[in-house]
Every structure is written in C-alpha cells, then in structure tokens.
Amino acid sequence: MLRVAVVGSGPSGVYAAQALVQQREVPGVRVDVLDRLPAPYGLVRYGVAPDHEKIKSLQGSLRTVLEDERIRFLGNVEVGGEALPTGRLLELYHAVVYCVGAARDRMLGIPGEELTGVHSATAFVSWYSGHPDAAAEAFDLPGVDTAVVVGAGNVAVDVTRILARGTAELEPTDMPQPALGALAESGVRQVSMVARRGPSQGRFTTKELRELGTLPGVDTWADPAELALDPVYGDPTAAAALPAVARRNLEVLRGWAAAAPGADAGPRRIALRFYLRPVEILGGPDGRVTGMRFERTAPDGQGGVTGTGVHEDIGAQLVLRSVGYKGVPLTGLPFDPAKGTVPHAAGRVLRAGRASVGEYVAGWIKRGPTGVIGTNRPCAKETVSSLLQDAGALARRDLPGDPLDALRAAGLRPVRWPGWLAIEAAETDLGRSLGRRSVKIPDWQGLLGAARAGRA
C-alpha cells in the first residue's frame, strides 16, 4: 500500500488526493490530507467572497472527495514547525505533496504603507471571510468616508464590492457576525479602485466587473477621459483583436463612462480609475492615512506605461492594496524567492537541481499565483502522474506505522472529519441563534472548541 500525505486542503490539495485514489495504475493508495486549519477547503472557504455563493458551492464537490474512505482529513496540523518538520513527515509517508498556496501579499513599496488604515486586500478578505488568523484585525469602518483599493484584478473587485454593498445583501451569507456588524456601521460613501495601466489590461473577469454596476443604491462610474487614454479604447480594429474578456470589459466600462451620476444617484459611489501609479500614502499627525498620491501614467507603446510627472491626490481613510500574491517559504523545502515557488520538474521537488525522492508540489506553490480554481485540476494531475511514475521505488520503503499515532505522540491534536462536522453543526447553530443561516466561527478557540465537542 502506498501512503501519501497531501499538505493543504484547498482545491489543489483535494484535486491531488482525488487523482491519487481514482487512478488505477497503483492499487491501494491511501491519502492523508493535512491542513494547518481545523476547517478544510482552503481559499474556497476563506478566500471566495461570501456573496459569491455559486463559487462557494464548490465546497460540495470538495467535500465528496474528502469523504472518500481512502482519504483522511487531518486538520489543525502545522507542517514545517518544531512538532512536525518536513523531514519527519517524509519518514511517516512514502510521498508528500505540498499544496500550500501563496499566502503573502505583495507590498506597494512606497512611503506611508506603515500608516494606520493601510491594509492588504488579503487581510481584509480574511477578516470578512472568518479566517481565524484575522480575528485580531481591526478595520475602523465607521470612521471611513472614502476608501482606495489599489489593483485591477478580481480580488480588488471583491473588496470594492464588499465595501460598497449594503449589509441587507450580506446578512444571508455566512459572513462572521463581527464583520457583518462592522460593515453595517460603515461610513464608506465612495470607493476608488485604481489601476496603473489601462482598462484593456485589467485582470478582472467580466462577470465580477459587471457586479459592481448591479449593487442596490450604488452609482458606478468610470472616467471617460482615462478610458480614452487607452489606445485600444477608441480603435475598433485593435479592440477586435483583444481577448474576449478584455473586449467585454471595455464595453462594460464604456457604459459606465456614458452614465454620469444624476440626481437620483445612490448613497454610495464606486469610481474606477486608470493610468494612475501610486507614489505615496499620505498621513496626518496622528499616524492615520488621509489619502494617496498618484502619478498619471501614459501608454509607452509597448504594453507598459511611463510616468508623466503629473500627480493627483485622492483622499482616503482606508487603503487596501491588491497587487498580487507570492509564496511563503516552508521550513525544510527549497524555495525560489524570485518566483515565490518551490523549484520542481513536473511537480517533483528539486534540491540542488535534482529530484528529491518522495517530495512533490502542486498549486500556487508550484506554478505561482496564476489561473482560476479549475486550473488546479490539471496542475495536480501532472504532479500525481510524476508521483505514480515513482511509486515503485517509493513503496519499497517501510513506514513506522499509522502516521496519526506519530502526530499525536509529537503533541499535535489533529481534527478529523467528525471534528469538522461538529464545526459545521456549531456554525449552523450560531446562525440560527442570530436569525441567520450558517455563520462562520471566526476564531481559533471557537473552532477548536466546536471540534472537540465532536470528539475529533
């Protein structure tokens, strides 16, 4: 029997586990899916916006995989620490597949990022998604009139939408009660989503972009002068050569530019701004953010932008940066800091340029923060294919016994599937007590307490 550990229970980890048990080349494979958190599903639970219920419903298919009798979920297990170094994990399993994602956001690298009121979009998403590490985050939304979101991807669109959306639409979601309460008291009237390049180069998808124009009580606007700076915007021939998503995005923005806000405009406003490069975050004497300074950019004719020396300040009491993610080194694994990934060949971890027997990667830690959720499936299959090619040599090594016994002997307290079901039940009970549907428990103590109640 081949025993494999998959580190990470997000889509890439679950898809890797699924590929391992469904293949027919190597019979008798058993998989333990380990996660640092006591709850499974990774970014589907803690990264997808709570009002995107269709995407969040993917948890159902991930759940089906994790309930397979050949797969065992072990939450609350941190790999790479003193209790469970990566080397020890490889002693307990024939092979280990690391699917640990890209947990760190990129900085803007400009003065003022240390000011109070400046956060990463990652932290904001974790807070409103109920991630237990975010329980101590403080977002002073009642004191915010204007927010600036720096970025032009789907995460930037998500946080912009959540800031502008009314709490009546969020109450039916599983958003934690503290976050919902803070948003209910929010003073935000305007959100500016700012990109340094043009509208044809935005990384958001059309579905997510359109949602900004359908929010009740919200006026959405794009500056026609900034749109016109994009060489493609006024050139039908050039626009026709764009990818379909970019063409559709331009049409959406064109409609918003034409619909200037009137007397019946809603109480909140979203402004999409382009060709503005952040150069400084401005603050007051109390150390709090008061705004951002941008330099106007212009197309350089080669797909990039160049500075013009013209500056514009946008007032803000909250700044969220959403300019990408990068991988975090895992102690004991090789790491390429420039790429933010683990060096690999078709998923096989490379140490000093040579494949390390029994160690594999999949997901963002393998390829970088690219693609959508579905991209993780072929990525995981490639890695599993490499593992199966090595299975003959891997299976010859004797293992010391059930890894669960060794984890407990090391002082770890894994949360097994019954413990997760107990967390689910506790969240349903919490929602019922609040007159809502299931509501996430947003702190470690609450999650582990609920899991213990399930005799995990």
Protein backbone atom coordinates (compact mmCIF):
# COMPACT_ATOMS: atom_id res chain seq x y z
CA MET A 1 0.00 0.00 0.00
CA LEU A 2 1.27 3.46 -0.93
CA ARG A 3 0.62 6.04 1.79
CA VAL A 4 0.71 9.70 0.70
CA ALA A 5 0.41 12.95 2.64
CA VAL A 6 -1.12 15.95 0.88
CA VAL A 7 -0.36 19.20 2.71
CA GLY A 8 -3.22 21.64 2.15
CA SER A 9 -6.95 21.02 1.78
CA GLY A 10 -7.74 23.72 -0.76
CA PRO A 11 -8.65 22.87 -4.36
CA SER A 12 -5.13 21.87 -5.43
CA GLY A 13 -4.73 19.55 -2.44
CA VAL A 14 -8.17 17.98 -2.80
CA TYR A 15 -7.69 17.52 -6.55
CA ALA A 16 -4.34 15.85 -5.90
CA ALA A 17 -5.93 13.49 -3.36
CA GLN A 18 -8.75 12.72 -5.78
CA ALA A 19 -6.35 11.94 -8.63
CA LEU A 20 -4.35 9.63 -6.36
CA VAL A 21 -7.27 7.47 -5.23
CA GLN A 22 -9.06 7.40 -8.58
CA GLN A 23 -6.11 6.24 -10.66
CA ARG A 24 -5.78 2.53 -11.47
CA GLU A 25 -2.06 2.18 -12.07
CA VAL A 26 -1.12 1.76 -8.40
CA PRO A 27 -3.72 -0.08 -6.29
CA GLY A 28 -4.26 0.52 -2.59
CA VAL A 29 -3.26 4.18 -2.33
CA ARG A 30 -4.24 5.87 0.94
CA VAL A 31 -4.09 9.64 1.37
CA ASP A 32 -3.98 11.84 4.45
CA VAL A 33 -4.90 15.46 3.70
CA LEU A 34 -3.20 17.66 6.29
CA ASP A 35 -4.11 21.29 6.94
CA ARG A 36 -2.90 23.88 9.43
CA LEU A 37 -6.52 24.97 9.93
CA PRO A 38 -9.18 22.79 11.59
CA ALA A 39 -11.51 23.50 8.65
CA PRO A 40 -10.99 22.23 5.08
CA TYR A 41 -11.41 23.82 1.62
CA GLY A 42 -8.66 26.47 1.77
CA LEU A 43 -9.39 29.59 -0.25
CA VAL A 44 -12.83 28.31 -1.24
CA ARG A 45 -13.83 28.76 2.41
CA TYR A 46 -11.52 31.63 3.32
CA GLY A 47 -10.90 33.48 0.06
CA VAL A 48 -14.06 33.41 -2.04
CA ALA A 49 -16.30 36.36 -1.16
CA PRO A 50 -19.31 35.33 0.97
CA ASP A 51 -21.78 36.80 -1.55
CA HIS A 52 -20.39 34.57 -4.32
CA GLU A 53 -22.46 31.58 -3.34
CA LYS A 54 -22.17 29.81 -6.70
CA ILE A 55 -18.38 29.62 -6.41
CA LYS A 56 -18.56 28.75 -2.73
CA SER A 57 -20.85 25.85 -3.63
CA LEU A 58 -17.68 24.16 -4.94
CA GLN A 59 -17.24 23.08 -1.32
CA GLY A 60 -19.83 20.40 -2.05
CA SER A 61 -17.64 18.66 -4.65
CA LEU A 62 -14.53 19.05 -2.48
CA ARG A 63 -16.48 17.55 0.42
CA THR A 64 -17.38 14.49 -1.66
CA VAL A 65 -13.67 13.84 -2.27
CA LEU A 66 -12.70 14.26 1.37
CA GLU A 67 -15.44 11.84 2.45
CA ASP A 68 -13.91 9.07 0.33
CA GLU A 69 -12.96 6.17 2.64
CA ARG A 70 -9.46 6.12 1.16
CA ILE A 71 -8.86 9.75 2.18
CA ARG A 72 -8.43 11.02 5.74
CA PHE A 73 -8.68 14.70 6.70
CA LEU A 74 -6.33 15.80 9.48
CA GLY A 75 -6.81 19.46 10.35
CA ASN A 76 -5.00 21.54 12.97
CA VAL A 77 -1.70 20.04 11.82
CA GLU A 78 1.07 22.51 11.02
CA VAL A 79 3.83 21.16 8.80
CA GLY A 80 7.28 22.70 8.97
CA GLY A 81 7.29 23.60 12.65
CA GLU A 82 9.15 22.01 15.55
CA ALA A 83 6.46 19.39 16.13
CA LEU A 84 6.37 18.22 12.52
CA PRO A 85 9.39 19.14 10.36
CA THR A 86 9.17 18.31 6.68
CA GLY A 87 11.84 15.65 7.10
CA ARG A 88 9.81 13.89 9.78
CA LEU A 89 6.70 14.00 7.59
CA LEU A 90 8.58 12.21 4.82
CA GLU A 91 9.56 9.49 7.32
CA LEU A 92 5.88 8.86 8.07
CA TYR A 93 4.70 8.66 4.43
CA HIS A 94 6.00 7.19 1.20
CA ALA A 95 5.42 10.56 -0.51
CA VAL A 96 4.36 14.10 0.38
CA VAL A 97 2.59 16.52 -1.96
CA TYR A 98 2.79 20.16 -0.83
CA CYS A 99 -0.18 22.28 -1.88
CA VAL A 100 0.33 25.25 0.45
CA GLY A 101 -0.65 28.13 -1.83
CA ALA A 102 0.75 31.67 -1.88
CA ALA A 103 -0.19 33.25 1.41
CA ARG A 104 1.66 36.56 1.37
CA ASP A 105 0.53 39.68 -0.49
CA ARG A 106 2.91 41.97 -2.36
CA MET A 107 3.75 45.40 -0.97
CA LEU A 108 3.47 48.60 -2.99
CA GLY A 109 6.96 49.64 -1.94
CA ILE A 110 6.07 53.31 -1.41
CA PRO A 111 6.27 55.66 1.60
CA GLY A 112 3.38 55.55 4.02
CA GLU A 113 2.50 51.86 3.93
CA GLU A 114 3.03 51.71 7.70
CA LEU A 115 0.22 54.20 8.41
CA THR A 116 -2.86 53.15 10.36
CA GLY A 117 -5.67 52.37 7.96
CA VAL A 118 -3.42 50.81 5.31
CA HIS A 119 -4.02 47.08 4.86
CA SER A 120 -3.60 44.35 2.31
CA ALA A 121 -6.70 43.20 0.50
CA THR A 122 -5.67 39.72 1.69
CA ALA A 123 -6.13 40.78 5.31
CA PHE A 124 -9.50 42.35 4.54
CA VAL A 125 -10.70 39.22 2.71
CA SER A 126 -9.51 37.01 5.59
CA TRP A 127 -11.35 39.23 8.07
CA TYR A 128 -14.72 39.20 6.33
CA SER A 129 -14.29 35.50 5.45
CA GLY A 130 -13.78 34.50 9.08
CA HIS A 131 -10.19 33.24 8.86
CA PRO A 132 -9.08 32.56 12.46
CA ASP A 133 -5.72 34.28 11.94
CA ALA A 134 -7.60 37.51 11.13
CA ALA A 135 -9.61 37.62 14.36
CA ALA A 136 -7.40 40.39 15.76
CA GLU A 137 -7.57 42.60 12.64
CA ALA A 138 -9.22 45.99 13.21
CA PHE A 139 -10.95 47.85 10.39
CA ASP A 140 -12.31 51.20 11.59
CA LEU A 141 -15.08 51.36 9.01
CA PRO A 142 -17.33 53.84 10.86
CA GLY A 143 -14.50 56.37 10.55
CA VAL A 144 -14.09 55.85 6.79
CA ASP A 145 -15.77 58.12 4.26
CA THR A 146 -13.59 57.29 1.24
CA ALA A 147 -11.59 54.13 0.54
CA VAL A 148 -8.97 53.44 -2.11
CA VAL A 149 -8.38 49.96 -3.48
CA VAL A 150 -5.15 49.64 -5.47
CA GLY A 151 -5.32 46.90 -8.09
CA ALA A 152 -7.19 45.70 -11.16
CA GLY A 153 -7.92 42.03 -10.51
CA ASN A 154 -10.82 40.04 -9.14
CA VAL A 155 -9.69 40.41 -5.53
CA ALA A 156 -9.70 44.19 -5.94
CA VAL A 157 -13.21 43.93 -7.38
CA ASP A 158 -14.31 41.71 -4.49
CA VAL A 159 -13.16 44.05 -1.72
CA THR A 160 -14.56 47.06 -3.59
CA ARG A 161 -17.93 45.32 -3.85
CA ILE A 162 -17.99 44.29 -0.18
CA LEU A 163 -17.15 47.84 0.94
CA ALA A 164 -19.95 49.30 -1.20
CA ARG A 165 -22.58 46.62 -0.72
CA GLY A 166 -25.37 47.08 1.81
CA THR A 167 -25.49 44.69 4.75
CA ALA A 168 -29.03 43.58 3.82
CA GLU A 169 -27.50 41.64 0.92
CA LEU A 170 -24.71 40.23 3.12
CA GLU A 171 -26.87 39.05 6.01
CA PRO A 172 -27.98 35.84 4.22
CA THR A 173 -24.31 34.83 3.73
CA ASP A 174 -22.01 33.01 6.17
CA MET A 175 -20.04 36.19 6.92
CA PRO A 176 -18.98 36.25 10.60
CA GLN A 177 -21.19 38.39 12.80
CA PRO A 178 -18.38 40.79 13.91
CA ALA A 179 -17.53 41.59 10.27
CA LEU A 180 -21.19 41.99 9.33
CA GLY A 181 -21.71 44.31 12.29
CA ALA A 182 -18.69 46.43 11.37
CA LEU A 183 -19.87 46.75 7.76
CA ALA A 184 -23.36 47.71 9.00
CA GLU A 185 -21.80 50.65 10.85
CA SER A 186 -19.52 51.58 7.94
CA GLY A 187 -19.36 55.23 6.92
CA VAL A 188 -17.95 54.44 3.45
CA ARG A 189 -19.58 56.58 0.75
CA GLN A 190 -17.02 56.27 -2.06
CA VAL A 191 -14.62 53.55 -3.12
CA SER A 192 -11.99 54.31 -5.77
CA MET A 193 -10.49 51.26 -7.47
CA VAL A 194 -7.25 52.44 -9.06
CA ALA A 195 -5.02 50.79 -11.69
CA ARG A 196 -1.67 51.98 -13.02
CA ARG A 197 -2.38 50.69 -16.52
CA GLY A 198 -5.34 50.94 -18.90
CA PRO A 199 -8.78 49.34 -18.96
CA SER A 200 -7.88 46.86 -21.70
CA GLN A 201 -5.18 45.45 -19.39
CA GLY A 202 -7.38 44.85 -16.36
CA ARG A 203 -7.14 41.34 -14.90
CA PHE A 204 -10.71 41.21 -13.63
CA THR A 205 -13.26 38.98 -15.31
CA THR A 206 -16.38 40.48 -16.88
CA LYS A 207 -18.83 38.72 -14.57
CA GLU A 208 -17.16 40.15 -11.47
CA LEU A 209 -16.79 43.57 -13.06
CA ARG A 210 -20.46 43.75 -14.06
CA GLU A 211 -21.50 43.01 -10.48
CA LEU A 212 -20.20 46.43 -9.44
CA GLY A 213 -22.89 48.02 -11.60
CA THR A 214 -25.75 45.98 -10.12
CA LEU A 215 -25.36 46.85 -6.42
CA PRO A 216 -28.51 48.44 -4.98
CA GLY A 217 -28.01 52.08 -4.01
CA VAL A 218 -24.56 52.28 -5.60
CA ASP A 219 -23.55 54.51 -8.52
CA THR A 220 -20.68 53.04 -10.57
CA TRP A 221 -18.61 55.33 -12.78
CA ALA A 222 -15.53 55.21 -14.99
CA ASP A 223 -13.71 58.37 -16.06
CA PRO A 224 -14.20 58.71 -19.85
CA ALA A 225 -11.01 60.77 -20.19
CA GLU A 226 -8.95 57.97 -18.63
CA LEU A 227 -10.59 55.31 -20.74
CA ALA A 228 -9.78 57.33 -23.85
CA LEU A 229 -6.07 57.21 -22.97
CA ASP A 230 -6.06 53.51 -23.81
CA PRO A 231 -5.01 53.20 -27.48
CA VAL A 232 -7.38 50.26 -27.91
CA TYR A 233 -10.43 52.01 -26.46
CA GLY A 234 -11.18 54.20 -29.48
CA ASP A 235 -9.86 51.83 -32.15
CA PRO A 236 -12.47 49.22 -33.16
CA THR A 237 -9.93 47.24 -35.17
CA ALA A 238 -7.48 47.00 -32.26
CA ALA A 239 -10.31 46.23 -29.84
CA ALA A 240 -11.49 43.37 -32.05
CA ALA A 241 -8.07 41.74 -31.69
CA LEU A 242 -8.29 41.69 -27.88
CA PRO A 243 -9.20 38.54 -25.94
CA ALA A 244 -12.97 38.21 -25.49
CA VAL A 245 -12.82 39.07 -21.76
CA ALA A 246 -10.96 42.32 -22.41
CA ARG A 247 -13.45 43.30 -25.15
CA ARG A 248 -16.39 42.68 -22.85
CA ASN A 249 -14.73 44.61 -20.04
CA LEU A 250 -14.29 47.64 -22.28
CA GLU A 251 -17.98 47.59 -23.20
CA VAL A 252 -18.97 47.48 -19.53
CA LEU A 253 -16.68 50.40 -18.71
CA ARG A 254 -17.90 52.32 -21.75
CA GLY A 255 -21.44 52.09 -20.44
CA TRP A 256 -20.44 53.37 -17.01
CA ALA A 257 -18.50 56.27 -18.51
CA ALA A 258 -21.55 57.34 -20.51
CA ALA A 259 -23.88 57.19 -17.50
CA ALA A 260 -22.76 60.19 -15.45
CA PRO A 261 -24.29 60.22 -11.95
CA GLY A 262 -27.53 62.15 -11.76
CA ALA A 263 -29.77 63.50 -9.05
CA ASP A 264 -31.05 60.02 -8.28
CA ALA A 265 -27.56 58.61 -7.70
CA GLY A 266 -27.27 56.19 -4.79
CA PRO A 267 -25.77 56.98 -1.40
CA ARG A 268 -22.56 55.16 -2.32
CA ARG A 269 -20.29 55.52 -5.33
CA ILE A 270 -17.66 53.33 -6.97
CA ALA A 271 -15.14 55.09 -9.20
CA LEU A 272 -12.90 53.03 -11.49
CA ARG A 273 -9.70 54.92 -12.21
CA PHE A 274 -6.93 54.08 -14.68
CA TYR A 275 -3.41 55.21 -15.58
CA LEU A 276 -2.56 56.24 -12.02
CA ARG A 277 0.57 54.87 -10.35
CA PRO A 278 0.78 55.03 -6.53
CA VAL A 279 3.78 57.01 -5.34
CA GLU A 280 2.97 57.82 -1.69
CA ILE A 281 0.39 57.17 1.00
CA LEU A 282 -0.41 60.39 2.84
CA GLY A 283 -0.98 60.60 6.57
CA GLY A 284 -1.91 63.00 9.32
CA PRO A 285 -0.08 63.88 12.54
CA ASP A 286 -1.90 61.05 14.33
CA GLY A 287 -0.29 58.46 12.04
CA ARG A 288 -3.51 57.64 10.22
CA VAL A 289 -3.90 57.57 6.47
CA THR A 290 -5.54 60.62 4.91
CA GLY A 291 -5.12 59.86 1.22
CA MET A 292 -2.93 58.64 -1.62
CA ARG A 293 -0.76 60.44 -4.13
CA PHE A 294 -0.67 59.04 -7.65
CA GLU A 295 1.35 59.88 -10.74
CA ARG A 296 -0.52 60.00 -14.00
CA THR A 297 0.87 57.40 -16.40
CA ALA A 298 0.58 57.04 -20.16
CA PRO A 299 0.93 54.09 -22.55
CA ASP A 300 4.52 53.59 -23.67
CA GLY A 301 3.56 51.84 -26.93
CA GLN A 302 5.00 48.51 -25.78
CA GLY A 303 2.27 47.33 -23.44
CA GLY A 304 3.59 49.18 -20.41
CA VAL A 305 3.23 52.67 -19.02
CA THR A 306 5.51 55.58 -18.33
CA GLY A 307 5.24 58.38 -15.79
CA THR A 308 4.16 61.85 -16.89
CA GLY A 309 5.23 63.85 -13.84
CA VAL A 310 1.62 64.92 -13.22
CA HIS A 311 0.28 64.00 -9.80
CA GLU A 312 -3.18 63.61 -8.29
CA ASP A 313 -4.18 63.12 -4.65
CA ILE A 314 -7.21 61.06 -3.66
CA GLY A 315 -8.47 61.41 -0.12
CA ALA A 316 -8.95 58.18 1.82
CA GLN A 317 -9.23 56.92 5.36
CA LEU A 318 -8.77 53.31 4.26
CA VAL A 319 -6.30 51.93 1.71
CA LEU A 320 -6.34 48.31 0.55
CA ARG A 321 -3.56 47.09 -1.71
CA SER A 322 -4.34 44.23 -4.09
CA VAL A 323 -1.31 43.92 -6.33
CA GLY A 324 -0.68 40.19 -6.26
CA TYR A 325 0.50 37.36 -4.05
CA LYS A 326 3.70 35.44 -3.53
CA GLY A 327 4.58 32.12 -1.99
CA VAL A 328 5.98 31.77 1.51
CA PRO A 329 8.98 29.51 2.20
CA LEU A 330 8.18 26.36 4.12
CA THR A 331 10.97 25.41 6.50
CA GLY A 332 12.77 22.39 5.14
CA LEU A 333 11.80 22.85 1.50
CA PRO A 334 13.90 24.58 -1.18
CA PHE A 335 12.47 27.91 -2.30
CA ASP A 336 13.00 30.33 -5.19
CA PRO A 337 12.44 33.79 -3.66
CA ALA A 338 12.35 35.49 -7.06
CA LYS A 339 9.47 33.32 -8.30
CA GLY A 340 7.91 32.65 -4.91
CA THR A 341 7.71 28.94 -5.70
CA VAL A 342 9.40 25.66 -4.86
CA PRO A 343 11.77 24.55 -7.65
CA HIS A 344 10.33 21.50 -9.38
CA ALA A 345 10.27 19.42 -12.53
CA ALA A 346 6.73 18.33 -13.48
CA GLY A 347 5.84 18.59 -9.79
CA ARG A 348 8.92 16.77 -8.43
CA VAL A 349 10.70 18.94 -5.86
CA LEU A 350 14.24 19.79 -6.93
CA ARG A 351 17.06 20.01 -4.41
CA ALA A 352 20.30 21.35 -5.86
CA GLY A 353 18.84 20.69 -9.31
CA ARG A 354 18.00 17.04 -8.68
CA ALA A 355 14.60 15.48 -7.99
CA SER A 356 14.05 14.77 -4.31
CA VAL A 357 12.58 11.29 -3.99
CA GLY A 358 9.12 11.40 -2.43
CA GLU A 359 8.60 15.19 -2.38
CA TYR A 360 6.16 16.92 -4.77
CA VAL A 361 4.32 20.22 -5.20
CA ALA A 362 1.03 21.32 -6.77
CA GLY A 363 -0.98 24.52 -6.93
CA TRP A 364 0.34 28.05 -6.46
CA ILE A 365 3.48 26.95 -4.60
CA LYS A 366 4.31 25.02 -7.77
CA ARG A 367 3.36 27.44 -10.55
CA GLY A 368 2.88 30.81 -8.81
CA PRO A 369 -0.41 32.68 -8.16
CA THR A 370 -1.91 32.23 -11.61
CA GLY A 371 -5.08 30.76 -13.04
CA VAL A 372 -8.52 30.14 -11.58
CA ILE A 373 -9.77 27.41 -9.25
CA GLY A 374 -10.18 24.97 -12.15
CA THR A 375 -6.53 25.46 -13.17
CA ASN A 376 -5.55 23.45 -10.11
CA ARG A 377 -7.01 20.23 -11.51
CA PRO A 378 -4.61 19.70 -14.45
CA CYS A 379 -1.79 21.06 -12.30
CA ALA A 380 -2.49 18.42 -9.64
CA LYS A 381 -2.86 15.67 -12.24
CA GLU A 382 0.58 16.43 -13.67
CA THR A 383 2.13 16.17 -10.22
CA VAL A 384 0.28 12.94 -9.40
CA SER A 385 1.42 11.48 -12.71
CA SER A 386 5.03 12.12 -11.69
CA LEU A 387 4.40 10.57 -8.27
CA LEU A 388 2.87 7.46 -9.79
CA GLN A 389 5.86 7.04 -12.08
CA ASP A 390 8.00 6.95 -8.93
CA ALA A 391 5.61 4.72 -6.97
CA GLY A 392 7.59 1.51 -7.43
CA ALA A 393 10.66 2.94 -5.75
CA LEU A 394 8.65 4.84 -3.12
CA ALA A 395 6.64 1.84 -1.93
CA ARG A 396 9.76 -0.23 -1.19
CA ARG A 397 10.40 1.87 1.92
CA ASP A 398 8.91 0.55 5.16
CA LEU A 399 6.92 3.00 7.27
CA PRO A 400 6.83 3.08 11.09
CA GLY A 401 3.03 2.62 11.38
CA ASP A 402 -0.08 4.78 11.32
CA PRO A 403 1.11 8.40 10.93
CA LEU A 404 -1.76 9.59 13.12
CA ASP A 405 -0.16 7.90 16.15
CA ALA A 406 3.13 9.66 15.43
CA LEU A 407 1.40 13.05 15.05
CA ARG A 408 -0.29 12.64 18.41
CA ALA A 409 2.96 11.48 20.01
CA ALA A 410 4.55 14.72 18.76
CA GLY A 411 1.98 16.73 20.71
CA LEU A 412 -0.30 17.55 17.79
CA ARG A 413 -4.07 17.27 18.16
CA PRO A 414 -5.43 16.59 14.68
CA VAL A 415 -9.03 17.50 13.90
CA ARG A 416 -10.51 14.61 11.96
CA TRP A 417 -13.63 14.63 9.79
CA PRO A 418 -16.09 14.24 12.71
CA GLY A 419 -14.48 17.30 14.26
CA TRP A 420 -15.07 19.30 11.09
CA LEU A 421 -18.69 18.12 11.00
CA ALA A 422 -19.03 19.36 14.58
CA ILE A 423 -17.71 22.77 13.49
CA GLU A 424 -20.28 22.84 10.71
CA ALA A 425 -23.05 21.99 13.17
CA ALA A 426 -21.86 24.68 15.59
CA GLU A 427 -21.87 27.27 12.78
CA THR A 428 -25.40 26.28 11.85
CA ASP A 429 -26.46 26.68 15.48
CA LEU A 430 -24.72 30.06 15.68
CA GLY A 431 -26.53 31.29 12.58
CA ARG A 432 -29.88 30.09 13.93
CA SER A 433 -29.30 31.96 17.20
CA LEU A 434 -28.64 35.15 15.20
CA GLY A 435 -31.64 34.73 12.94
CA ARG A 436 -29.36 33.95 10.02
CA ARG A 437 -28.22 30.92 8.08
CA SER A 438 -24.95 29.19 8.96
CA VAL A 439 -22.45 31.76 10.25
CA LYS A 440 -18.70 31.17 10.41
CA ILE A 441 -16.89 30.87 13.71
CA PRO A 442 -14.00 33.34 13.19
CA ASP A 443 -11.51 32.42 15.95
CA TRP A 444 -9.23 29.53 16.83
CA GLN A 445 -10.71 28.95 20.27
CA GLY A 446 -14.24 28.69 18.93
CA LEU A 447 -13.27 26.38 16.06
CA LEU A 448 -11.22 24.00 18.20
CA GLY A 449 -13.84 24.03 20.95
CA ALA A 450 -16.52 23.05 18.45
CA ALA A 451 -14.27 20.34 17.00
CA ARG A 452 -13.62 18.85 20.45
CA ALA A 453 -17.36 18.72 21.01
CA GLY A 454 -17.44 16.35 18.02
CA ARG A 455 -14.93 14.04 19.74
CA ALA A 456 -12.37 14.51 16.95
